[in-house]
Amino acid sequence: MLRRAVNISIARGRMALMSYATLPDLLKPSGAPAELPKLGFNWKDGCAPVFSPRQMELHYTKHHKAYVDKLNALAGTTYDGKSIEEIILAVANDAEKKGLFNQAAQHFNHTFYFRCITPNGKAMPKSLESAVTAQFGSVEQFKDAFVQAGVNNFGSGWTWLCVDPSNKNQLVIDNTSNAGCPLTKDCAPSSQWMCGSMRTTRTLKTAGRIT
């Protein structure tokens, strides 16, 4: 099933939003290593109310950077000129490349997330609010369903809101485990995979809080 991921970050009842068709930070020019994505804010200030400065330091400069460094070490020059999405699709079903897949997919997941969060969030666009309301009954019902899906996602993983074009563009809440991402649902070509107009999240299991 080909899906477009819709990235959502809920904090204090607000949603941080951004619409884009690709992730420029994931384009990897020939001969160039993968890099941490540029943020739309200073990580040293944190990203209230979701991340404190210390949490941003750990998640961005330590945790995410470790994925990038390991990705570059494992990929070498074999995938020169390939985007991170293309690397993910190339190795997703190769058991011998599981380590490379994990690093590339987690770089994708974290970049997708960090590319979209913004301090204090933004209001939901009316068009998206209408789609969410039509699918889930109301924005609040969607939030409840999204949080519950995250809480029920056993172990480490991610919770996503996706658009399913094979089913009349229905909105779908989807869980992936560990380094899983929507790209691998049927290994859709990256040229056909488009991000939607909200944010994908990793879910904290404590108190049903979403980050």
N, C-alpha and C. Protein backbone atom coordinates (compact mmCIF):
# COMPACT_ATOMS: atom_id res chain seq x y z
N MET A 1 0.84 -1.19 0.00
CA MET A 1 0.00 0.00 0.00
C MET A 1 0.88 1.24 0.00
N LEU A 2 0.77 2.06 -1.01
CA LEU A 2 1.53 3.30 -1.10
C LEU A 2 0.88 4.34 -0.21
N ARG A 3 1.68 4.94 0.66
CA ARG A 3 1.13 5.94 1.57
C ARG A 3 1.97 7.19 1.55
N ARG A 4 1.32 8.29 1.84
CA ARG A 4 2.03 9.54 2.06
C ARG A 4 2.00 9.82 3.55
N ALA A 5 3.13 10.03 4.14
CA ALA A 5 3.15 10.25 5.59
C ALA A 5 2.74 11.68 5.90
N VAL A 6 1.99 11.82 6.97
CA VAL A 6 1.52 13.12 7.42
C VAL A 6 2.07 13.32 8.81
N ASN A 7 2.91 14.31 8.98
CA ASN A 7 3.70 14.43 10.19
C ASN A 7 3.02 15.33 11.20
N ILE A 8 2.79 14.82 12.42
CA ILE A 8 2.02 15.54 13.42
C ILE A 8 2.78 15.63 14.73
N SER A 9 2.81 16.81 15.31
CA SER A 9 3.35 16.95 16.66
C SER A 9 2.33 17.68 17.50
N ILE A 10 1.82 17.01 18.52
CA ILE A 10 0.78 17.60 19.35
C ILE A 10 1.39 18.05 20.67
N ALA A 11 1.17 19.29 21.03
CA ALA A 11 1.67 19.80 22.30
C ALA A 11 0.72 20.86 22.81
N ARG A 12 0.26 20.70 24.04
CA ARG A 12 -0.67 21.63 24.65
C ARG A 12 -1.89 21.89 23.76
N GLY A 13 -2.36 20.82 23.14
CA GLY A 13 -3.56 20.93 22.33
C GLY A 13 -3.36 21.58 20.98
N ARG A 14 -2.11 21.92 20.63
CA ARG A 14 -1.85 22.54 19.34
C ARG A 14 -1.02 21.59 18.49
N MET A 15 -1.06 21.80 17.20
CA MET A 15 -0.30 20.94 16.30
C MET A 15 0.69 21.78 15.53
N ALA A 16 1.93 21.32 15.51
CA ALA A 16 2.95 21.98 14.72
C ALA A 16 2.87 21.46 13.30
N LEU A 17 2.79 22.34 12.33
CA LEU A 17 2.46 21.93 10.97
C LEU A 17 3.47 22.43 9.94
N MET A 18 3.65 21.66 8.91
CA MET A 18 4.45 22.10 7.77
C MET A 18 4.11 21.22 6.58
N SER A 19 4.08 21.80 5.41
CA SER A 19 3.80 21.03 4.21
C SER A 19 5.02 21.08 3.30
N TYR A 20 5.42 19.92 2.78
CA TYR A 20 6.54 19.89 1.86
C TYR A 20 6.46 18.61 1.06
N ALA A 21 7.06 18.64 -0.13
CA ALA A 21 6.95 17.50 -1.03
C ALA A 21 8.16 16.58 -0.96
N THR A 22 9.23 17.04 -0.36
CA THR A 22 10.41 16.20 -0.21
C THR A 22 11.19 16.71 0.97
N LEU A 23 12.20 15.99 1.35
CA LEU A 23 13.05 16.39 2.46
C LEU A 23 14.43 16.73 1.89
N PRO A 24 14.71 18.01 1.63
CA PRO A 24 15.99 18.37 1.02
C PRO A 24 17.19 17.94 1.83
N ASP A 25 17.02 17.83 3.15
CA ASP A 25 18.14 17.40 3.99
C ASP A 25 18.51 15.94 3.75
N LEU A 26 17.65 15.19 3.07
CA LEU A 26 17.92 13.78 2.82
C LEU A 26 18.48 13.52 1.43
N LEU A 27 18.67 14.58 0.65
CA LEU A 27 19.33 14.43 -0.64
C LEU A 27 20.83 14.34 -0.38
N LYS A 28 21.47 13.34 -0.96
CA LYS A 28 22.88 13.07 -0.66
C LYS A 28 23.68 13.19 -1.96
N PRO A 29 24.29 14.36 -2.20
CA PRO A 29 25.05 14.54 -3.44
C PRO A 29 26.17 13.52 -3.56
N SER A 30 26.56 13.23 -4.78
CA SER A 30 27.63 12.27 -5.02
C SER A 30 28.89 12.67 -4.27
N GLY A 31 29.44 11.73 -3.53
CA GLY A 31 30.67 11.99 -2.79
C GLY A 31 30.48 12.67 -1.46
N ALA A 32 29.26 13.11 -1.18
CA ALA A 32 29.01 13.83 0.07
C ALA A 32 28.41 12.88 1.11
N PRO A 33 28.82 13.00 2.37
CA PRO A 33 28.24 12.16 3.41
C PRO A 33 26.86 12.65 3.82
N ALA A 34 26.09 11.79 4.45
CA ALA A 34 24.83 12.22 5.05
C ALA A 34 25.14 13.18 6.19
N GLU A 35 24.23 14.12 6.44
CA GLU A 35 24.46 15.12 7.47
C GLU A 35 23.22 15.29 8.32
N LEU A 36 23.41 15.81 9.53
CA LEU A 36 22.26 16.18 10.35
C LEU A 36 21.44 17.23 9.62
N PRO A 37 20.12 17.18 9.72
CA PRO A 37 19.29 18.20 9.06
C PRO A 37 19.44 19.54 9.76
N LYS A 38 19.27 20.59 8.99
CA LYS A 38 19.22 21.92 9.59
C LYS A 38 17.87 22.09 10.27
N LEU A 39 17.87 22.69 11.43
CA LEU A 39 16.64 22.90 12.17
C LEU A 39 16.09 24.30 11.90
N GLY A 40 14.79 24.46 12.08
CA GLY A 40 14.17 25.76 11.91
C GLY A 40 14.20 26.60 13.17
N PHE A 41 14.98 26.16 14.14
CA PHE A 41 15.10 26.87 15.41
C PHE A 41 16.44 26.48 16.02
N ASN A 42 16.87 27.21 17.03
CA ASN A 42 18.13 26.93 17.71
C ASN A 42 17.92 25.82 18.73
N TRP A 43 18.54 24.67 18.52
CA TRP A 43 18.31 23.54 19.42
C TRP A 43 18.73 23.87 20.85
N LYS A 44 19.65 24.81 21.00
CA LYS A 44 20.13 25.18 22.34
C LYS A 44 19.03 25.83 23.17
N ASP A 45 17.98 26.31 22.47
CA ASP A 45 16.84 26.91 23.18
C ASP A 45 15.76 25.88 23.48
N GLY A 46 15.95 24.65 23.00
CA GLY A 46 14.91 23.64 23.14
C GLY A 46 13.80 23.87 22.14
N CYS A 47 12.72 23.14 22.29
CA CYS A 47 11.54 23.30 21.43
C CYS A 47 10.31 23.16 22.31
N ALA A 48 10.02 24.23 23.04
CA ALA A 48 8.91 24.22 24.00
C ALA A 48 7.58 24.03 23.29
N PRO A 49 6.65 23.30 23.89
CA PRO A 49 6.74 22.62 25.19
C PRO A 49 7.16 21.16 25.07
N VAL A 50 7.68 20.76 23.92
CA VAL A 50 7.98 19.35 23.70
C VAL A 50 9.35 18.95 24.24
N PHE A 51 10.39 19.71 23.88
CA PHE A 51 11.75 19.38 24.28
C PHE A 51 12.39 20.51 25.06
N SER A 52 13.07 20.18 26.14
CA SER A 52 13.92 21.14 26.85
C SER A 52 15.23 21.27 26.08
N PRO A 53 16.05 22.30 26.35
CA PRO A 53 17.35 22.39 25.69
C PRO A 53 18.19 21.12 25.87
N ARG A 54 18.19 20.55 27.06
CA ARG A 54 18.97 19.34 27.31
C ARG A 54 18.43 18.16 26.49
N GLN A 55 17.11 18.04 26.39
CA GLN A 55 16.52 16.97 25.60
C GLN A 55 16.86 17.12 24.13
N MET A 56 16.84 18.36 23.62
CA MET A 56 17.21 18.59 22.23
C MET A 56 18.67 18.24 22.00
N GLU A 57 19.51 18.59 22.95
CA GLU A 57 20.93 18.25 22.83
C GLU A 57 21.12 16.74 22.71
N LEU A 58 20.43 16.00 23.54
CA LEU A 58 20.56 14.54 23.53
C LEU A 58 19.97 13.92 22.27
N HIS A 59 18.76 14.34 21.89
CA HIS A 59 18.08 13.73 20.74
C HIS A 59 18.70 14.14 19.41
N TYR A 60 19.11 15.39 19.30
CA TYR A 60 19.60 15.91 18.01
C TYR A 60 21.11 15.73 17.85
N THR A 61 21.89 16.24 18.80
CA THR A 61 23.35 16.24 18.62
C THR A 61 24.01 14.93 19.04
N LYS A 62 23.32 14.10 19.79
CA LYS A 62 23.90 12.82 20.22
C LYS A 62 23.21 11.64 19.52
N HIS A 63 21.92 11.49 19.80
CA HIS A 63 21.17 10.33 19.31
C HIS A 63 21.08 10.32 17.78
N HIS A 64 20.56 11.39 17.21
CA HIS A 64 20.41 11.46 15.75
C HIS A 64 21.77 11.45 15.07
N LYS A 65 22.71 12.18 15.62
CA LYS A 65 24.05 12.23 15.01
C LYS A 65 24.69 10.85 14.96
N ALA A 66 24.43 10.02 15.97
CA ALA A 66 24.99 8.67 15.97
C ALA A 66 24.47 7.86 14.79
N TYR A 67 23.18 8.02 14.45
CA TYR A 67 22.63 7.34 13.28
C TYR A 67 23.32 7.80 12.01
N VAL A 68 23.54 9.11 11.90
CA VAL A 68 24.18 9.66 10.71
C VAL A 68 25.61 9.14 10.57
N ASP A 69 26.36 9.16 11.67
CA ASP A 69 27.75 8.70 11.63
C ASP A 69 27.84 7.22 11.25
N LYS A 70 26.97 6.39 11.83
CA LYS A 70 26.99 4.96 11.52
C LYS A 70 26.53 4.71 10.09
N LEU A 71 25.56 5.50 9.62
CA LEU A 71 25.10 5.38 8.24
C LEU A 71 26.24 5.64 7.28
N ASN A 72 26.99 6.70 7.51
CA ASN A 72 28.11 7.03 6.62
C ASN A 72 29.18 5.95 6.65
N ALA A 73 29.43 5.38 7.83
CA ALA A 73 30.44 4.33 7.95
C ALA A 73 30.02 3.07 7.20
N LEU A 74 28.74 2.72 7.28
CA LEU A 74 28.25 1.50 6.64
C LEU A 74 28.04 1.67 5.14
N ALA A 75 27.59 2.84 4.72
CA ALA A 75 27.27 3.07 3.30
C ALA A 75 28.52 3.21 2.46
N GLY A 76 29.58 3.80 3.03
CA GLY A 76 30.79 4.02 2.26
C GLY A 76 30.50 4.82 1.00
N THR A 77 31.05 4.39 -0.13
CA THR A 77 30.82 5.08 -1.40
C THR A 77 29.84 4.33 -2.30
N THR A 78 29.32 3.20 -1.80
CA THR A 78 28.44 2.36 -2.62
C THR A 78 27.19 3.10 -3.07
N TYR A 79 26.69 3.99 -2.22
CA TYR A 79 25.42 4.65 -2.52
C TYR A 79 25.62 6.13 -2.83
N ASP A 80 26.76 6.49 -3.37
CA ASP A 80 27.02 7.87 -3.76
C ASP A 80 25.93 8.37 -4.70
N GLY A 81 25.44 9.55 -4.43
CA GLY A 81 24.43 10.15 -5.29
C GLY A 81 23.02 9.69 -5.00
N LYS A 82 22.85 8.73 -4.10
CA LYS A 82 21.53 8.24 -3.74
C LYS A 82 20.98 9.04 -2.57
N SER A 83 19.68 9.33 -2.61
CA SER A 83 19.05 9.97 -1.46
C SER A 83 18.87 8.94 -0.35
N ILE A 84 18.60 9.40 0.85
CA ILE A 84 18.38 8.48 1.96
C ILE A 84 17.17 7.60 1.68
N GLU A 85 16.14 8.18 1.07
CA GLU A 85 14.96 7.39 0.72
C GLU A 85 15.33 6.25 -0.23
N GLU A 86 16.17 6.55 -1.21
CA GLU A 86 16.58 5.52 -2.18
C GLU A 86 17.40 4.42 -1.51
N ILE A 87 18.25 4.80 -0.56
CA ILE A 87 19.03 3.80 0.17
C ILE A 87 18.10 2.89 0.96
N ILE A 88 17.13 3.49 1.64
CA ILE A 88 16.17 2.70 2.43
C ILE A 88 15.47 1.68 1.55
N LEU A 89 14.98 2.12 0.40
CA LEU A 89 14.24 1.23 -0.48
C LEU A 89 15.14 0.14 -1.07
N ALA A 90 16.42 0.48 -1.29
CA ALA A 90 17.35 -0.48 -1.89
C ALA A 90 17.70 -1.62 -0.95
N VAL A 91 17.70 -1.36 0.36
CA VAL A 91 18.18 -2.38 1.30
C VAL A 91 17.09 -2.90 2.24
N ALA A 92 15.87 -2.41 2.10
CA ALA A 92 14.80 -2.75 3.05
C ALA A 92 14.57 -4.24 3.19
N ASN A 93 14.70 -4.99 2.11
CA ASN A 93 14.41 -6.43 2.15
C ASN A 93 15.66 -7.30 2.09
N ASP A 94 16.80 -6.69 2.35
CA ASP A 94 18.08 -7.40 2.31
C ASP A 94 18.55 -7.65 3.74
N ALA A 95 18.44 -8.89 4.20
CA ALA A 95 18.80 -9.21 5.58
C ALA A 95 20.26 -8.89 5.88
N GLU A 96 21.12 -8.99 4.87
CA GLU A 96 22.54 -8.71 5.10
C GLU A 96 22.81 -7.22 5.25
N LYS A 97 21.84 -6.39 4.85
CA LYS A 97 22.01 -4.93 4.96
C LYS A 97 21.13 -4.35 6.07
N LYS A 98 20.72 -5.19 7.01
CA LYS A 98 19.82 -4.73 8.07
C LYS A 98 20.42 -3.57 8.86
N GLY A 99 21.71 -3.64 9.14
CA GLY A 99 22.35 -2.56 9.88
C GLY A 99 22.29 -1.25 9.13
N LEU A 100 22.55 -1.28 7.83
CA LEU A 100 22.48 -0.08 7.01
C LEU A 100 21.06 0.44 6.96
N PHE A 101 20.09 -0.48 6.80
CA PHE A 101 18.69 -0.05 6.77
C PHE A 101 18.32 0.67 8.06
N ASN A 102 18.70 0.10 9.20
CA ASN A 102 18.33 0.70 10.48
C ASN A 102 18.86 2.13 10.61
N GLN A 103 20.12 2.33 10.22
CA GLN A 103 20.70 3.67 10.35
C GLN A 103 20.05 4.65 9.38
N ALA A 104 19.84 4.21 8.13
CA ALA A 104 19.24 5.09 7.12
C ALA A 104 17.80 5.42 7.48
N ALA A 105 17.04 4.41 7.91
CA ALA A 105 15.63 4.63 8.23
C ALA A 105 15.47 5.52 9.46
N GLN A 106 16.32 5.33 10.47
CA GLN A 106 16.21 6.19 11.64
C GLN A 106 16.67 7.61 11.32
N HIS A 107 17.62 7.76 10.41
CA HIS A 107 17.98 9.10 9.95
C HIS A 107 16.79 9.74 9.25
N PHE A 108 16.11 8.97 8.42
CA PHE A 108 14.91 9.46 7.74
C PHE A 108 13.84 9.85 8.76
N ASN A 109 13.53 8.95 9.69
CA ASN A 109 12.47 9.20 10.67
C ASN A 109 12.75 10.44 11.51
N HIS A 110 13.98 10.55 11.99
CA HIS A 110 14.31 11.69 12.83
C HIS A 110 14.34 12.99 12.03
N THR A 111 14.87 12.92 10.80
CA THR A 111 14.89 14.12 9.96
C THR A 111 13.47 14.58 9.65
N PHE A 112 12.60 13.62 9.31
CA PHE A 112 11.20 13.93 9.03
C PHE A 112 10.57 14.61 10.24
N TYR A 113 10.88 14.12 11.41
CA TYR A 113 10.32 14.69 12.63
C TYR A 113 10.91 16.06 12.94
N PHE A 114 12.24 16.15 12.99
CA PHE A 114 12.88 17.42 13.33
C PHE A 114 12.62 18.50 12.28
N ARG A 115 12.44 18.08 11.04
CA ARG A 115 12.17 19.05 9.96
C ARG A 115 10.85 19.76 10.18
N CYS A 116 9.99 19.16 10.97
CA CYS A 116 8.63 19.67 11.09
C CYS A 116 8.30 20.33 12.42
N ILE A 117 8.98 19.99 13.49
CA ILE A 117 8.59 20.59 14.77
C ILE A 117 9.01 22.05 14.83
N THR A 118 8.26 22.80 15.58
CA THR A 118 8.54 24.22 15.75
C THR A 118 8.11 24.63 17.15
N PRO A 119 8.84 25.51 17.81
CA PRO A 119 8.47 25.90 19.17
C PRO A 119 7.03 26.39 19.26
N ASN A 120 6.29 25.83 20.21
CA ASN A 120 4.91 26.21 20.51
C ASN A 120 3.90 25.82 19.43
N GLY A 121 4.36 25.16 18.37
CA GLY A 121 3.44 24.64 17.37
C GLY A 121 2.75 25.71 16.55
N LYS A 122 1.87 25.27 15.67
CA LYS A 122 1.07 26.15 14.82
C LYS A 122 -0.34 25.60 14.74
N ALA A 123 -1.25 26.43 14.32
CA ALA A 123 -2.64 26.01 14.18
C ALA A 123 -2.79 25.06 12.99
N MET A 124 -3.77 24.18 13.06
CA MET A 124 -4.03 23.24 11.97
C MET A 124 -4.71 23.95 10.81
N PRO A 125 -4.22 23.76 9.58
CA PRO A 125 -4.89 24.35 8.42
C PRO A 125 -6.32 23.86 8.31
N LYS A 126 -7.20 24.72 7.82
CA LYS A 126 -8.61 24.37 7.73
C LYS A 126 -8.84 23.14 6.85
N SER A 127 -8.07 23.02 5.77
CA SER A 127 -8.26 21.88 4.87
C SER A 127 -7.94 20.57 5.58
N LEU A 128 -6.88 20.58 6.38
CA LEU A 128 -6.51 19.39 7.11
C LEU A 128 -7.48 19.12 8.25
N GLU A 129 -7.92 20.18 8.90
CA GLU A 129 -8.91 20.03 9.96
C GLU A 129 -10.18 19.38 9.42
N SER A 130 -10.58 19.79 8.22
CA SER A 130 -11.77 19.20 7.60
C SER A 130 -11.57 17.72 7.30
N ALA A 131 -10.37 17.37 6.79
CA ALA A 131 -10.08 15.97 6.47
C ALA A 131 -10.04 15.11 7.73
N VAL A 132 -9.41 15.63 8.78
CA VAL A 132 -9.33 14.89 10.04
C VAL A 132 -10.72 14.72 10.65
N THR A 133 -11.52 15.79 10.61
CA THR A 133 -12.87 15.73 11.16
C THR A 133 -13.73 14.73 10.40
N ALA A 134 -13.60 14.73 9.07
CA ALA A 134 -14.38 13.80 8.26
C ALA A 134 -14.00 12.36 8.54
N GLN A 135 -12.72 12.12 8.79
CA GLN A 135 -12.23 10.76 9.00
C GLN A 135 -12.46 10.26 10.43
N PHE A 136 -12.23 11.14 11.41
CA PHE A 136 -12.24 10.69 12.81
C PHE A 136 -13.39 11.25 13.64
N GLY A 137 -14.18 12.15 13.08
CA GLY A 137 -15.31 12.73 13.80
C GLY A 137 -15.04 14.11 14.34
N SER A 138 -13.82 14.33 14.82
CA SER A 138 -13.40 15.65 15.31
C SER A 138 -11.89 15.61 15.51
N VAL A 139 -11.30 16.79 15.65
CA VAL A 139 -9.86 16.85 15.91
C VAL A 139 -9.53 16.18 17.24
N GLU A 140 -10.36 16.41 18.24
CA GLU A 140 -10.11 15.81 19.55
C GLU A 140 -10.18 14.29 19.49
N GLN A 141 -11.13 13.76 18.72
CA GLN A 141 -11.23 12.30 18.58
C GLN A 141 -10.00 11.75 17.85
N PHE A 142 -9.51 12.50 16.87
CA PHE A 142 -8.28 12.09 16.21
C PHE A 142 -7.11 12.06 17.19
N LYS A 143 -6.97 13.12 17.99
CA LYS A 143 -5.87 13.16 18.96
C LYS A 143 -5.93 11.96 19.90
N ASP A 144 -7.14 11.66 20.37
CA ASP A 144 -7.31 10.52 21.27
C ASP A 144 -6.88 9.22 20.59
N ALA A 145 -7.30 9.05 19.33
CA ALA A 145 -6.97 7.83 18.59
C ALA A 145 -5.47 7.75 18.32
N PHE A 146 -4.87 8.90 18.01
CA PHE A 146 -3.44 8.94 17.71
C PHE A 146 -2.61 8.60 18.94
N VAL A 147 -2.98 9.21 20.07
CA VAL A 147 -2.27 8.93 21.31
C VAL A 147 -2.43 7.47 21.71
N GLN A 148 -3.64 6.95 21.58
CA GLN A 148 -3.89 5.56 21.95
C GLN A 148 -3.08 4.60 21.08
N ALA A 149 -2.99 4.92 19.79
CA ALA A 149 -2.18 4.09 18.89
C ALA A 149 -0.72 4.09 19.33
N GLY A 150 -0.22 5.26 19.72
CA GLY A 150 1.16 5.35 20.18
C GLY A 150 1.39 4.59 21.46
N VAL A 151 0.47 4.72 22.39
CA VAL A 151 0.59 4.00 23.67
C VAL A 151 0.58 2.49 23.44
N ASN A 152 -0.19 2.04 22.45
CA ASN A 152 -0.30 0.61 22.16
C ASN A 152 0.83 0.09 21.28
N ASN A 153 1.69 0.98 20.83
CA ASN A 153 2.82 0.57 19.98
C ASN A 153 3.89 -0.04 20.88
N PHE A 154 3.93 -1.36 20.93
CA PHE A 154 4.78 -2.06 21.89
C PHE A 154 6.25 -1.82 21.61
N GLY A 155 6.99 -1.50 22.67
CA GLY A 155 8.43 -1.30 22.54
C GLY A 155 8.75 0.01 21.85
N SER A 156 9.93 0.07 21.25
CA SER A 156 10.38 1.29 20.57
C SER A 156 9.76 1.37 19.18
N GLY A 157 9.33 2.54 18.77
CA GLY A 157 8.76 2.68 17.44
C GLY A 157 8.23 4.06 17.18
N TRP A 158 7.45 4.18 16.13
CA TRP A 158 6.91 5.46 15.68
C TRP A 158 5.43 5.30 15.39
N THR A 159 4.70 6.40 15.55
CA THR A 159 3.28 6.43 15.21
C THR A 159 3.08 7.52 14.16
N TRP A 160 2.40 7.17 13.08
CA TRP A 160 2.29 8.06 11.92
C TRP A 160 0.82 8.27 11.54
N LEU A 161 0.55 9.43 10.97
CA LEU A 161 -0.70 9.66 10.25
C LEU A 161 -0.36 9.67 8.78
N CYS A 162 -0.99 8.77 8.02
CA CYS A 162 -0.67 8.62 6.60
C CYS A 162 -1.90 8.84 5.73
N VAL A 163 -1.66 9.17 4.49
CA VAL A 163 -2.70 9.24 3.47
C VAL A 163 -2.54 8.01 2.57
N ASP A 164 -3.62 7.29 2.38
CA ASP A 164 -3.61 6.07 1.58
C ASP A 164 -4.29 6.32 0.24
N PRO A 165 -3.53 6.66 -0.82
CA PRO A 165 -4.15 6.95 -2.11
C PRO A 165 -4.82 5.75 -2.76
N SER A 166 -4.49 4.54 -2.30
CA SER A 166 -5.15 3.36 -2.87
C SER A 166 -6.55 3.17 -2.31
N ASN A 167 -6.89 3.96 -1.30
CA ASN A 167 -8.21 3.86 -0.68
C ASN A 167 -8.84 5.25 -0.55
N LYS A 168 -8.96 5.93 -1.69
CA LYS A 168 -9.63 7.22 -1.76
C LYS A 168 -9.00 8.26 -0.83
N ASN A 169 -7.66 8.19 -0.70
CA ASN A 169 -6.92 9.14 0.14
C ASN A 169 -7.41 9.18 1.58
N GLN A 170 -7.82 8.02 2.08
CA GLN A 170 -8.23 7.93 3.47
C GLN A 170 -7.04 8.21 4.39
N LEU A 171 -7.30 8.86 5.52
CA LEU A 171 -6.26 9.04 6.52
C LEU A 171 -6.14 7.76 7.34
N VAL A 172 -4.91 7.36 7.61
CA VAL A 172 -4.64 6.12 8.32
C VAL A 172 -3.63 6.38 9.43
N ILE A 173 -3.96 5.98 10.65
CA ILE A 173 -2.98 6.01 11.74
C ILE A 173 -2.23 4.69 11.71
N ASP A 174 -0.92 4.77 11.65
CA ASP A 174 -0.12 3.56 11.46
C ASP A 174 1.04 3.54 12.45
N ASN A 175 1.34 2.38 12.99
CA ASN A 175 2.49 2.20 13.86
C ASN A 175 3.59 1.45 13.13
N THR A 176 4.83 1.85 13.35
CA THR A 176 5.98 1.08 12.89
C THR A 176 6.87 0.82 14.09
N SER A 177 7.56 -0.31 14.07
CA SER A 177 8.43 -0.68 15.17
C SER A 177 9.88 -0.35 14.85
N ASN A 178 10.61 0.00 15.88
CA ASN A 178 12.05 0.25 15.76
C ASN A 178 12.33 1.27 14.65
N ALA A 179 13.04 0.86 13.59
CA ALA A 179 13.39 1.79 12.53
C ALA A 179 12.38 1.81 11.38
N GLY A 180 11.25 1.13 11.54
CA GLY A 180 10.27 1.08 10.46
C GLY A 180 9.77 2.46 10.07
N CYS A 181 9.45 2.62 8.78
CA CYS A 181 8.90 3.89 8.29
C CYS A 181 7.91 3.59 7.16
N PRO A 182 7.02 4.52 6.84
CA PRO A 182 6.00 4.26 5.80
C PRO A 182 6.58 3.90 4.44
N LEU A 183 7.81 4.32 4.16
CA LEU A 183 8.42 4.00 2.87
C LEU A 183 8.47 2.51 2.60
N THR A 184 8.56 1.72 3.64
CA THR A 184 8.77 0.28 3.46
C THR A 184 7.48 -0.52 3.42
N LYS A 185 6.33 0.15 3.45
CA LYS A 185 5.07 -0.59 3.46
C LYS A 185 4.92 -1.43 2.21
N ASP A 186 5.28 -0.88 1.05
CA ASP A 186 5.38 -1.73 -0.13
C ASP A 186 6.56 -1.31 -0.98
N CYS A 187 7.55 -0.70 -0.33
CA CYS A 187 8.75 -0.23 -1.02
C CYS A 187 8.40 0.63 -2.22
N ALA A 188 7.50 1.59 -2.00
CA ALA A 188 7.12 2.49 -3.08
C ALA A 188 8.32 3.33 -3.50
N PRO A 189 8.50 3.57 -4.81
CA PRO A 189 9.61 4.41 -5.27
C PRO A 189 9.55 5.78 -4.61
N SER A 190 10.71 6.30 -4.25
CA SER A 190 10.72 7.57 -3.52
C SER A 190 10.12 8.70 -4.36
N SER A 191 10.21 8.58 -5.69
CA SER A 191 9.64 9.63 -6.53
C SER A 191 8.12 9.67 -6.43
N GLN A 192 7.52 8.58 -5.95
CA GLN A 192 6.06 8.54 -5.82
C GLN A 192 5.62 8.79 -4.38
N TRP A 193 6.58 8.92 -3.49
CA TRP A 193 6.24 9.06 -2.07
C TRP A 193 6.29 10.52 -1.69
N MET A 194 5.21 11.03 -1.19
CA MET A 194 5.11 12.45 -0.86
C MET A 194 4.71 12.64 0.59
N CYS A 195 5.33 13.60 1.24
CA CYS A 195 4.93 13.93 2.60
C CYS A 195 3.64 14.73 2.54
N GLY A 196 2.81 14.56 3.53
CA GLY A 196 1.59 15.34 3.61
C GLY A 196 1.81 16.67 4.30
N SER A 197 0.76 17.22 4.87
CA SER A 197 0.85 18.57 5.39
C SER A 197 0.77 18.64 6.91
N MET A 198 1.18 17.56 7.55
CA MET A 198 1.32 17.63 9.00
C MET A 198 2.54 16.84 9.44
N ARG A 199 2.65 16.56 10.72
CA ARG A 199 3.87 15.99 11.23
C ARG A 199 3.75 14.58 11.74
N THR A 200 4.77 13.81 11.50
CA THR A 200 4.84 12.46 12.01
C THR A 200 5.52 12.48 13.36
N THR A 201 5.13 11.62 14.24
CA THR A 201 5.71 11.69 15.57
C THR A 201 6.24 10.38 16.06
N ARG A 202 7.18 10.49 16.93
CA ARG A 202 7.52 9.36 17.78
C ARG A 202 6.76 9.59 19.07
N THR A 203 6.22 8.55 19.64
CA THR A 203 5.33 8.71 20.78
C THR A 203 5.99 8.27 22.07
N LEU A 204 5.88 9.11 23.09
CA LEU A 204 6.33 8.72 24.43
C LEU A 204 5.21 7.96 25.11
N LYS A 205 5.54 6.89 25.77
CA LYS A 205 4.52 6.08 26.41
C LYS A 205 4.12 6.64 27.77
N THR A 206 4.85 7.61 28.29
CA THR A 206 4.55 8.13 29.62
C THR A 206 3.41 9.13 29.53
N ALA A 207 2.35 8.88 30.27
CA ALA A 207 1.21 9.79 30.37
C ALA A 207 0.58 10.10 29.02
N GLY A 208 0.75 9.21 28.06
CA GLY A 208 0.16 9.42 26.74
C GLY A 208 0.67 10.67 26.06
N ARG A 209 1.89 11.08 26.38
CA ARG A 209 2.44 12.31 25.84
C ARG A 209 3.08 12.07 24.49
N ILE A 210 2.88 13.01 23.58
CA ILE A 210 3.44 12.86 22.23
C ILE A 210 4.58 13.84 22.06
N THR A 211 5.69 13.37 21.46
CA THR A 211 6.79 14.26 21.14
C THR A 211 7.10 14.14 19.66
